[in-house]
Amino acid sequence: QAGEVQEVPDIQIDGRISTPVFLH
């Protein structure tokens, strides 16, 4: 709606992660 991107920083910096998904 806003056409904007927000970064959630450094969640993968200290390990391997799965693709983040929204909770329902």
mmCIF file of all heavy atoms, coordinates in Angstrom:
data_MODEL
# 
_entry.id   MODEL 
# 
loop_
_atom_site.group_PDB 
_atom_site.id 
_atom_site.type_symbol 
_atom_site.label_atom_id 
_atom_site.label_alt_id 
_atom_site.label_comp_id 
_atom_site.label_asym_id 
_atom_site.label_entity_id 
_atom_site.label_seq_id 
_atom_site.pdbx_PDB_ins_code 
_atom_site.Cartn_x 
_atom_site.Cartn_y 
_atom_site.Cartn_z 
_atom_site.occupancy 
_atom_site.B_iso_or_equiv 
_atom_site.pdbx_formal_charge 
_atom_site.auth_seq_id 
_atom_site.auth_comp_id 
_atom_site.auth_asym_id 
_atom_site.auth_atom_id 
_atom_site.pdbx_PDB_model_num 
ATOM 1   N N   . GLN A 1 1  ? 0.817  -1.206  0.000  1.00 0.00 ? 1  GLN A N   1 
ATOM 2   C CA  . GLN A 1 1  ? 0.000  0.000   0.000  1.00 0.00 ? 1  GLN A CA  1 
ATOM 3   C C   . GLN A 1 1  ? 0.850  1.254   0.000  1.00 0.00 ? 1  GLN A C   1 
ATOM 4   O O   . GLN A 1 1  ? 0.553  2.215   -0.714 1.00 0.00 ? 1  GLN A O   1 
ATOM 5   C CB  . GLN A 1 1  ? -0.938 -0.005  1.214  1.00 0.00 ? 1  GLN A CB  1 
ATOM 6   C CG  . GLN A 1 1  ? -2.043 -1.052  1.134  1.00 0.00 ? 1  GLN A CG  1 
ATOM 7   C CD  . GLN A 1 1  ? -2.990 -0.995  2.298  1.00 0.00 ? 1  GLN A CD  1 
ATOM 8   O OE1 . GLN A 1 1  ? -2.628 -0.562  3.404  1.00 0.00 ? 1  GLN A OE1 1 
ATOM 9   N NE2 . GLN A 1 1  ? -4.231 -1.440  2.091  1.00 0.00 ? 1  GLN A NE2 1 
ATOM 10  N N   . ALA A 1 2  ? 1.915  1.226   0.783  1.00 0.00 ? 2  ALA A N   1 
ATOM 11  C CA  . ALA A 1 2  ? 2.792  2.397   0.850  1.00 0.00 ? 2  ALA A CA  1 
ATOM 12  C C   . ALA A 1 2  ? 3.890  2.363   -0.204 1.00 0.00 ? 2  ALA A C   1 
ATOM 13  O O   . ALA A 1 2  ? 4.518  3.388   -0.490 1.00 0.00 ? 2  ALA A O   1 
ATOM 14  C CB  . ALA A 1 2  ? 3.417  2.499   2.242  1.00 0.00 ? 2  ALA A CB  1 
ATOM 15  N N   . GLY A 1 3  ? 4.144  1.187   -0.789 1.00 0.00 ? 3  GLY A N   1 
ATOM 16  C CA  . GLY A 1 3  ? 5.220  1.065   -1.761 1.00 0.00 ? 3  GLY A CA  1 
ATOM 17  C C   . GLY A 1 3  ? 6.594  1.229   -1.122 1.00 0.00 ? 3  GLY A C   1 
ATOM 18  O O   . GLY A 1 3  ? 7.531  1.702   -1.767 1.00 0.00 ? 3  GLY A O   1 
ATOM 19  N N   . GLU A 1 4  ? 6.720  0.820   0.144  1.00 0.00 ? 4  GLU A N   1 
ATOM 20  C CA  . GLU A 1 4  ? 7.961  1.014   0.888  1.00 0.00 ? 4  GLU A CA  1 
ATOM 21  C C   . GLU A 1 4  ? 8.487  -0.308  1.436  1.00 0.00 ? 4  GLU A C   1 
ATOM 22  O O   . GLU A 1 4  ? 7.729  -1.255  1.636  1.00 0.00 ? 4  GLU A O   1 
ATOM 23  C CB  . GLU A 1 4  ? 7.742  1.997   2.045  1.00 0.00 ? 4  GLU A CB  1 
ATOM 24  C CG  . GLU A 1 4  ? 7.304  3.378   1.611  1.00 0.00 ? 4  GLU A CG  1 
ATOM 25  C CD  . GLU A 1 4  ? 6.975  4.289   2.788  1.00 0.00 ? 4  GLU A CD  1 
ATOM 26  O OE1 . GLU A 1 4  ? 6.875  3.763   3.923  1.00 0.00 ? 4  GLU A OE1 1 
ATOM 27  O OE2 . GLU A 1 4  ? 6.816  5.494   2.568  1.00 0.00 ? 4  GLU A OE2 1 
ATOM 28  N N   . VAL A 1 5  ? 9.782  -0.348  1.683  1.00 0.00 ? 5  VAL A N   1 
ATOM 29  C CA  . VAL A 1 5  ? 10.439 -1.530  2.238  1.00 0.00 ? 5  VAL A CA  1 
ATOM 30  C C   . VAL A 1 5  ? 11.048 -1.177  3.593  1.00 0.00 ? 5  VAL A C   1 
ATOM 31  O O   . VAL A 1 5  ? 11.735 -0.159  3.723  1.00 0.00 ? 5  VAL A O   1 
ATOM 32  C CB  . VAL A 1 5  ? 11.536 -2.068  1.300  1.00 0.00 ? 5  VAL A CB  1 
ATOM 33  C CG1 . VAL A 1 5  ? 12.251 -3.256  1.938  1.00 0.00 ? 5  VAL A CG1 1 
ATOM 34  C CG2 . VAL A 1 5  ? 10.936 -2.474  -0.032 1.00 0.00 ? 5  VAL A CG2 1 
ATOM 35  N N   . GLN A 1 6  ? 10.789 -2.012  4.587  1.00 0.00 ? 6  GLN A N   1 
ATOM 36  C CA  . GLN A 1 6  ? 11.386 -1.852  5.909  1.00 0.00 ? 6  GLN A CA  1 
ATOM 37  C C   . GLN A 1 6  ? 12.308 -3.025  6.180  1.00 0.00 ? 6  GLN A C   1 
ATOM 38  O O   . GLN A 1 6  ? 11.940 -4.181  5.960  1.00 0.00 ? 6  GLN A O   1 
ATOM 39  C CB  . GLN A 1 6  ? 10.312 -1.776  6.986  1.00 0.00 ? 6  GLN A CB  1 
ATOM 40  C CG  . GLN A 1 6  ? 10.871 -1.609  8.398  1.00 0.00 ? 6  GLN A CG  1 
ATOM 41  C CD  . GLN A 1 6  ? 9.769  -1.490  9.443  1.00 0.00 ? 6  GLN A CD  1 
ATOM 42  O OE1 . GLN A 1 6  ? 8.590  -1.512  9.107  1.00 0.00 ? 6  GLN A OE1 1 
ATOM 43  N NE2 . GLN A 1 6  ? 10.154 -1.358  10.700 1.00 0.00 ? 6  GLN A NE2 1 
ATOM 44  N N   . GLU A 1 7  ? 13.509 -2.748  6.639  1.00 0.00 ? 7  GLU A N   1 
ATOM 45  C CA  . GLU A 1 7  ? 14.487 -3.799  6.934  1.00 0.00 ? 7  GLU A CA  1 
ATOM 46  C C   . GLU A 1 7  ? 14.414 -4.208  8.398  1.00 0.00 ? 7  GLU A C   1 
ATOM 47  O O   . GLU A 1 7  ? 14.345 -3.360  9.288  1.00 0.00 ? 7  GLU A O   1 
ATOM 48  C CB  . GLU A 1 7  ? 15.911 -3.304  6.626  1.00 0.00 ? 7  GLU A CB  1 
ATOM 49  C CG  . GLU A 1 7  ? 16.161 -2.973  5.165  1.00 0.00 ? 7  GLU A CG  1 
ATOM 50  C CD  . GLU A 1 7  ? 16.350 -4.205  4.309  1.00 0.00 ? 7  GLU A CD  1 
ATOM 51  O OE1 . GLU A 1 7  ? 16.526 -5.309  4.880  1.00 0.00 ? 7  GLU A OE1 1 
ATOM 52  O OE2 . GLU A 1 7  ? 16.321 -4.075  3.074  1.00 0.00 ? 7  GLU A OE2 1 
ATOM 53  N N   . VAL A 1 8  ? 14.389 -5.519  8.637  1.00 0.00 ? 8  VAL A N   1 
ATOM 54  C CA  . VAL A 1 8  ? 14.571 -6.067  9.987  1.00 0.00 ? 8  VAL A CA  1 
ATOM 55  C C   . VAL A 1 8  ? 16.022 -6.528  10.036 1.00 0.00 ? 8  VAL A C   1 
ATOM 56  O O   . VAL A 1 8  ? 16.382 -7.535  9.426  1.00 0.00 ? 8  VAL A O   1 
ATOM 57  C CB  . VAL A 1 8  ? 13.616 -7.241  10.259 1.00 0.00 ? 8  VAL A CB  1 
ATOM 58  C CG1 . VAL A 1 8  ? 13.806 -7.767  11.677 1.00 0.00 ? 8  VAL A CG1 1 
ATOM 59  C CG2 . VAL A 1 8  ? 12.170 -6.813  10.034 1.00 0.00 ? 8  VAL A CG2 1 
ATOM 60  N N   . PRO A 1 9  ? 16.901 -5.814  10.733 1.00 0.00 ? 9  PRO A N   1 
ATOM 61  C CA  . PRO A 1 9  ? 18.342 -5.981  10.533 1.00 0.00 ? 9  PRO A CA  1 
ATOM 62  C C   . PRO A 1 9  ? 18.958 -7.194  11.224 1.00 0.00 ? 9  PRO A C   1 
ATOM 63  O O   . PRO A 1 9  ? 18.525 -7.618  12.302 1.00 0.00 ? 9  PRO A O   1 
ATOM 64  C CB  . PRO A 1 9  ? 18.920 -4.685  11.131 1.00 0.00 ? 9  PRO A CB  1 
ATOM 65  C CG  . PRO A 1 9  ? 17.936 -4.292  12.191 1.00 0.00 ? 9  PRO A CG  1 
ATOM 66  C CD  . PRO A 1 9  ? 16.594 -4.698  11.652 1.00 0.00 ? 9  PRO A CD  1 
ATOM 67  N N   . ASP A 1 10 ? 19.943 -7.762  10.539 1.00 0.00 ? 10 ASP A N   1 
ATOM 68  C CA  . ASP A 1 10 ? 20.929 -8.700  11.115 1.00 0.00 ? 10 ASP A CA  1 
ATOM 69  C C   . ASP A 1 10 ? 20.330 -9.958  11.723 1.00 0.00 ? 10 ASP A C   1 
ATOM 70  O O   . ASP A 1 10 ? 20.906 -10.549 12.642 1.00 0.00 ? 10 ASP A O   1 
ATOM 71  C CB  . ASP A 1 10 ? 21.772 -7.991  12.182 1.00 0.00 ? 10 ASP A CB  1 
ATOM 72  C CG  . ASP A 1 10 ? 22.545 -6.812  11.616 1.00 0.00 ? 10 ASP A CG  1 
ATOM 73  O OD1 . ASP A 1 10 ? 22.851 -6.839  10.413 1.00 0.00 ? 10 ASP A OD1 1 
ATOM 74  O OD2 . ASP A 1 10 ? 22.835 -5.877  12.377 1.00 0.00 ? 10 ASP A OD2 1 
ATOM 75  N N   . ILE A 1 11 ? 19.210 -10.454 11.209 1.00 0.00 ? 11 ILE A N   1 
ATOM 76  C CA  . ILE A 1 11 ? 18.641 -11.659 11.804 1.00 0.00 ? 11 ILE A CA  1 
ATOM 77  C C   . ILE A 1 11 ? 19.368 -12.921 11.342 1.00 0.00 ? 11 ILE A C   1 
ATOM 78  O O   . ILE A 1 11 ? 19.184 -13.986 11.921 1.00 0.00 ? 11 ILE A O   1 
ATOM 79  C CB  . ILE A 1 11 ? 17.135 -11.783 11.515 1.00 0.00 ? 11 ILE A CB  1 
ATOM 80  C CG1 . ILE A 1 11 ? 16.885 -11.970 10.012 1.00 0.00 ? 11 ILE A CG1 1 
ATOM 81  C CG2 . ILE A 1 11 ? 16.382 -10.583 12.029 1.00 0.00 ? 11 ILE A CG2 1 
ATOM 82  C CD1 . ILE A 1 11 ? 15.428 -12.258 9.705  1.00 0.00 ? 11 ILE A CD1 1 
ATOM 83  N N   . GLN A 1 12 ? 20.189 -12.810 10.294 1.00 0.00 ? 12 GLN A N   1 
ATOM 84  C CA  . GLN A 1 12 ? 20.908 -13.972 9.792  1.00 0.00 ? 12 GLN A CA  1 
ATOM 85  C C   . GLN A 1 12 ? 22.410 -13.841 10.002 1.00 0.00 ? 12 GLN A C   1 
ATOM 86  O O   . GLN A 1 12 ? 23.188 -14.650 9.508  1.00 0.00 ? 12 GLN A O   1 
ATOM 87  C CB  . GLN A 1 12 ? 20.611 -14.160 8.290  1.00 0.00 ? 12 GLN A CB  1 
ATOM 88  C CG  . GLN A 1 12 ? 21.087 -15.481 7.729  1.00 0.00 ? 12 GLN A CG  1 
ATOM 89  C CD  . GLN A 1 12 ? 20.640 -15.733 6.302  1.00 0.00 ? 12 GLN A CD  1 
ATOM 90  O OE1 . GLN A 1 12 ? 20.503 -16.865 5.890  1.00 0.00 ? 12 GLN A OE1 1 
ATOM 91  N NE2 . GLN A 1 12 ? 20.410 -14.692 5.521  1.00 0.00 ? 12 GLN A NE2 1 
ATOM 92  N N   . ILE A 1 13 ? 22.840 -12.878 10.771 1.00 0.00 ? 13 ILE A N   1 
ATOM 93  C CA  . ILE A 1 13 ? 24.261 -12.560 10.836 1.00 0.00 ? 13 ILE A CA  1 
ATOM 94  C C   . ILE A 1 13 ? 25.054 -13.597 11.628 1.00 0.00 ? 13 ILE A C   1 
ATOM 95  O O   . ILE A 1 13 ? 26.253 -13.763 11.405 1.00 0.00 ? 13 ILE A O   1 
ATOM 96  C CB  . ILE A 1 13 ? 24.466 -11.141 11.431 1.00 0.00 ? 13 ILE A CB  1 
ATOM 97  C CG1 . ILE A 1 13 ? 25.864 -10.616 11.086 1.00 0.00 ? 13 ILE A CG1 1 
ATOM 98  C CG2 . ILE A 1 13 ? 24.242 -11.150 12.939 1.00 0.00 ? 13 ILE A CG2 1 
ATOM 99  C CD1 . ILE A 1 13 ? 26.036 -9.157  11.364 1.00 0.00 ? 13 ILE A CD1 1 
ATOM 100 N N   . ASP A 1 14 ? 24.432 -14.325 12.552 1.00 0.00 ? 14 ASP A N   1 
ATOM 101 C CA  . ASP A 1 14 ? 25.170 -15.262 13.391 1.00 0.00 ? 14 ASP A CA  1 
ATOM 102 C C   . ASP A 1 14 ? 24.694 -16.700 13.215 1.00 0.00 ? 14 ASP A C   1 
ATOM 103 O O   . ASP A 1 14 ? 24.862 -17.531 14.100 1.00 0.00 ? 14 ASP A O   1 
ATOM 104 C CB  . ASP A 1 14 ? 25.093 -14.853 14.864 1.00 0.00 ? 14 ASP A CB  1 
ATOM 105 C CG  . ASP A 1 14 ? 23.659 -14.756 15.355 1.00 0.00 ? 14 ASP A CG  1 
ATOM 106 O OD1 . ASP A 1 14 ? 22.739 -14.819 14.521 1.00 0.00 ? 14 ASP A OD1 1 
ATOM 107 O OD2 . ASP A 1 14 ? 23.458 -14.618 16.575 1.00 0.00 ? 14 ASP A OD2 1 
ATOM 108 N N   . GLY A 1 15 ? 24.091 -17.001 12.061 1.00 0.00 ? 15 GLY A N   1 
ATOM 109 C CA  . GLY A 1 15 ? 23.648 -18.364 11.825 1.00 0.00 ? 15 GLY A CA  1 
ATOM 110 C C   . GLY A 1 15 ? 22.803 -18.462 10.565 1.00 0.00 ? 15 GLY A C   1 
ATOM 111 O O   . GLY A 1 15 ? 22.456 -17.454 9.955  1.00 0.00 ? 15 GLY A O   1 
ATOM 112 N N   . ARG A 1 16 ? 22.468 -19.661 10.204 1.00 0.00 ? 16 ARG A N   1 
ATOM 113 C CA  . ARG A 1 16 ? 21.611 -19.912 9.044  1.00 0.00 ? 16 ARG A CA  1 
ATOM 114 C C   . ARG A 1 16 ? 20.157 -19.902 9.477  1.00 0.00 ? 16 ARG A C   1 
ATOM 115 O O   . ARG A 1 16 ? 19.801 -20.518 10.487 1.00 0.00 ? 16 ARG A O   1 
ATOM 116 C CB  . ARG A 1 16 ? 21.958 -21.266 8.427  1.00 0.00 ? 16 ARG A CB  1 
ATOM 117 C CG  . ARG A 1 16 ? 21.102 -21.660 7.231  1.00 0.00 ? 16 ARG A CG  1 
ATOM 118 C CD  . ARG A 1 16 ? 21.636 -22.923 6.578  1.00 0.00 ? 16 ARG A CD  1 
ATOM 119 N NE  . ARG A 1 16 ? 21.557 -24.084 7.447  1.00 0.00 ? 16 ARG A NE  1 
ATOM 120 C CZ  . ARG A 1 16 ? 20.488 -24.877 7.537  1.00 0.00 ? 16 ARG A CZ  1 
ATOM 121 N NH1 . ARG A 1 16 ? 19.399 -24.605 6.826  1.00 0.00 ? 16 ARG A NH1 1 
ATOM 122 N NH2 . ARG A 1 16 ? 20.495 -25.940 8.326  1.00 0.00 ? 16 ARG A NH2 1 
ATOM 123 N N   . ILE A 1 17 ? 19.295 -19.197 8.747  1.00 0.00 ? 17 ILE A N   1 
ATOM 124 C CA  . ILE A 1 17 ? 17.896 -19.101 9.121  1.00 0.00 ? 17 ILE A CA  1 
ATOM 125 C C   . ILE A 1 17 ? 17.002 -19.561 7.958  1.00 0.00 ? 17 ILE A C   1 
ATOM 126 O O   . ILE A 1 17 ? 17.434 -19.628 6.811  1.00 0.00 ? 17 ILE A O   1 
ATOM 127 C CB  . ILE A 1 17 ? 17.495 -17.671 9.535  1.00 0.00 ? 17 ILE A CB  1 
ATOM 128 C CG1 . ILE A 1 17 ? 17.535 -16.731 8.325  1.00 0.00 ? 17 ILE A CG1 1 
ATOM 129 C CG2 . ILE A 1 17 ? 18.375 -17.164 10.656 1.00 0.00 ? 17 ILE A CG2 1 
ATOM 130 C CD1 . ILE A 1 17 ? 16.909 -15.377 8.610  1.00 0.00 ? 17 ILE A CD1 1 
ATOM 131 N N   . SER A 1 18 ? 15.766 -19.893 8.284  1.00 0.00 ? 18 SER A N   1 
ATOM 132 C CA  . SER A 1 18 ? 14.762 -20.153 7.263  1.00 0.00 ? 18 SER A CA  1 
ATOM 133 C C   . SER A 1 18 ? 14.210 -18.813 6.778  1.00 0.00 ? 18 SER A C   1 
ATOM 134 O O   . SER A 1 18 ? 14.461 -17.764 7.369  1.00 0.00 ? 18 SER A O   1 
ATOM 135 C CB  . SER A 1 18 ? 13.643 -21.021 7.831  1.00 0.00 ? 18 SER A CB  1 
ATOM 136 O OG  . SER A 1 18 ? 12.964 -20.339 8.863  1.00 0.00 ? 18 SER A OG  1 
ATOM 137 N N   . THR A 1 19 ? 13.431 -18.851 5.720  1.00 0.00 ? 19 THR A N   1 
ATOM 138 C CA  . THR A 1 19 ? 12.800 -17.630 5.222  1.00 0.00 ? 19 THR A CA  1 
ATOM 139 C C   . THR A 1 19 ? 11.755 -17.156 6.218  1.00 0.00 ? 19 THR A C   1 
ATOM 140 O O   . THR A 1 19 ? 10.860 -17.918 6.584  1.00 0.00 ? 19 THR A O   1 
ATOM 141 C CB  . THR A 1 19 ? 12.128 -17.882 3.867  1.00 0.00 ? 19 THR A CB  1 
ATOM 142 O OG1 . THR A 1 19 ? 13.085 -18.426 2.958  1.00 0.00 ? 19 THR A OG1 1 
ATOM 143 C CG2 . THR A 1 19 ? 11.574 -16.594 3.289  1.00 0.00 ? 19 THR A CG2 1 
ATOM 144 N N   . PRO A 1 20 ? 11.834 -15.920 6.704  1.00 0.00 ? 20 PRO A N   1 
ATOM 145 C CA  . PRO A 1 20 ? 10.849 -15.436 7.684  1.00 0.00 ? 20 PRO A CA  1 
ATOM 146 C C   . PRO A 1 20 ? 9.444  -15.416 7.093  1.00 0.00 ? 20 PRO A C   1 
ATOM 147 O O   . PRO A 1 20 ? 9.233  -15.020 5.945  1.00 0.00 ? 20 PRO A O   1 
ATOM 148 C CB  . PRO A 1 20 ? 11.339 -14.015 7.993  1.00 0.00 ? 20 PRO A CB  1 
ATOM 149 C CG  . PRO A 1 20 ? 12.784 -14.020 7.623  1.00 0.00 ? 20 PRO A CG  1 
ATOM 150 C CD  . PRO A 1 20 ? 12.894 -14.937 6.455  1.00 0.00 ? 20 PRO A CD  1 
ATOM 151 N N   . VAL A 1 21 ? 8.463  -15.847 7.902  1.00 0.00 ? 21 VAL A N   1 
ATOM 152 C CA  . VAL A 1 21 ? 7.058  -15.839 7.493  1.00 0.00 ? 21 VAL A CA  1 
ATOM 153 C C   . VAL A 1 21 ? 6.242  -15.085 8.530  1.00 0.00 ? 21 VAL A C   1 
ATOM 154 O O   . VAL A 1 21 ? 6.571  -15.090 9.723  1.00 0.00 ? 21 VAL A O   1 
ATOM 155 C CB  . VAL A 1 21 ? 6.502  -17.273 7.323  1.00 0.00 ? 21 VAL A CB  1 
ATOM 156 C CG1 . VAL A 1 21 ? 7.233  -18.013 6.227  1.00 0.00 ? 21 VAL A CG1 1 
ATOM 157 C CG2 . VAL A 1 21 ? 6.584  -18.057 8.638  1.00 0.00 ? 21 VAL A CG2 1 
ATOM 158 N N   . PHE A 1 22 ? 5.187  -14.422 8.088  1.00 0.00 ? 22 PHE A N   1 
ATOM 159 C CA  . PHE A 1 22 ? 4.284  -13.771 9.024  1.00 0.00 ? 22 PHE A CA  1 
ATOM 160 C C   . PHE A 1 22 ? 3.464  -14.810 9.776  1.00 0.00 ? 22 PHE A C   1 
ATOM 161 O O   . PHE A 1 22 ? 3.043  -15.819 9.209  1.00 0.00 ? 22 PHE A O   1 
ATOM 162 C CB  . PHE A 1 22 ? 3.321  -12.838 8.293  1.00 0.00 ? 22 PHE A CB  1 
ATOM 163 C CG  . PHE A 1 22 ? 3.927  -11.519 7.890  1.00 0.00 ? 22 PHE A CG  1 
ATOM 164 C CD1 . PHE A 1 22 ? 4.206  -11.261 6.563  1.00 0.00 ? 22 PHE A CD1 1 
ATOM 165 C CD2 . PHE A 1 22 ? 4.205  -10.549 8.834  1.00 0.00 ? 22 PHE A CD2 1 
ATOM 166 C CE1 . PHE A 1 22 ? 4.750  -10.059 6.174  1.00 0.00 ? 22 PHE A CE1 1 
ATOM 167 C CE2 . PHE A 1 22 ? 4.759  -9.331  8.459  1.00 0.00 ? 22 PHE A CE2 1 
ATOM 168 C CZ  . PHE A 1 22 ? 5.030  -9.083  7.120  1.00 0.00 ? 22 PHE A CZ  1 
ATOM 169 N N   . LEU A 1 23 ? 3.214  -14.556 11.047 1.00 0.00 ? 23 LEU A N   1 
ATOM 170 C CA  . LEU A 1 23 ? 2.241  -15.347 11.782 1.00 0.00 ? 23 LEU A CA  1 
ATOM 171 C C   . LEU A 1 23 ? 0.842  -15.032 11.253 1.00 0.00 ? 23 LEU A C   1 
ATOM 172 O O   . LEU A 1 23 ? 0.618  -13.981 10.644 1.00 0.00 ? 23 LEU A O   1 
ATOM 173 C CB  . LEU A 1 23 ? 2.329  -15.059 13.276 1.00 0.00 ? 23 LEU A CB  1 
ATOM 174 C CG  . LEU A 1 23 ? 3.624  -15.509 13.973 1.00 0.00 ? 23 LEU A CG  1 
ATOM 175 C CD1 . LEU A 1 23 ? 3.622  -15.072 15.433 1.00 0.00 ? 23 LEU A CD1 1 
ATOM 176 C CD2 . LEU A 1 23 ? 3.801  -17.014 13.879 1.00 0.00 ? 23 LEU A CD2 1 
ATOM 177 N N   . HIS A 1 24 ? -0.102 -15.935 11.481 1.00 0.00 ? 24 HIS A N   1 
ATOM 178 C CA  . HIS A 1 24 ? -1.443 -15.754 10.939 1.00 0.00 ? 24 HIS A CA  1 
ATOM 179 C C   . HIS A 1 24 ? -2.253 -14.696 11.688 1.00 0.00 ? 24 HIS A C   1 
ATOM 180 O O   . HIS A 1 24 ? -3.175 -14.100 11.117 1.00 0.00 ? 24 HIS A O   1 
ATOM 181 C CB  . HIS A 1 24 ? -2.207 -17.078 10.978 1.00 0.00 ? 24 HIS A CB  1 
ATOM 182 C CG  . HIS A 1 24 ? -1.646 -18.128 10.078 1.00 0.00 ? 24 HIS A CG  1 
ATOM 183 N ND1 . HIS A 1 24 ? -0.641 -18.990 10.481 1.00 0.00 ? 24 HIS A ND1 1 
ATOM 184 C CD2 . HIS A 1 24 ? -1.922 -18.444 8.792  1.00 0.00 ? 24 HIS A CD2 1 
ATOM 185 C CE1 . HIS A 1 24 ? -0.350 -19.805 9.482  1.00 0.00 ? 24 HIS A CE1 1 
ATOM 186 N NE2 . HIS A 1 24 ? -1.101 -19.496 8.459  1.00 0.00 ? 24 HIS A NE2 1 
# 
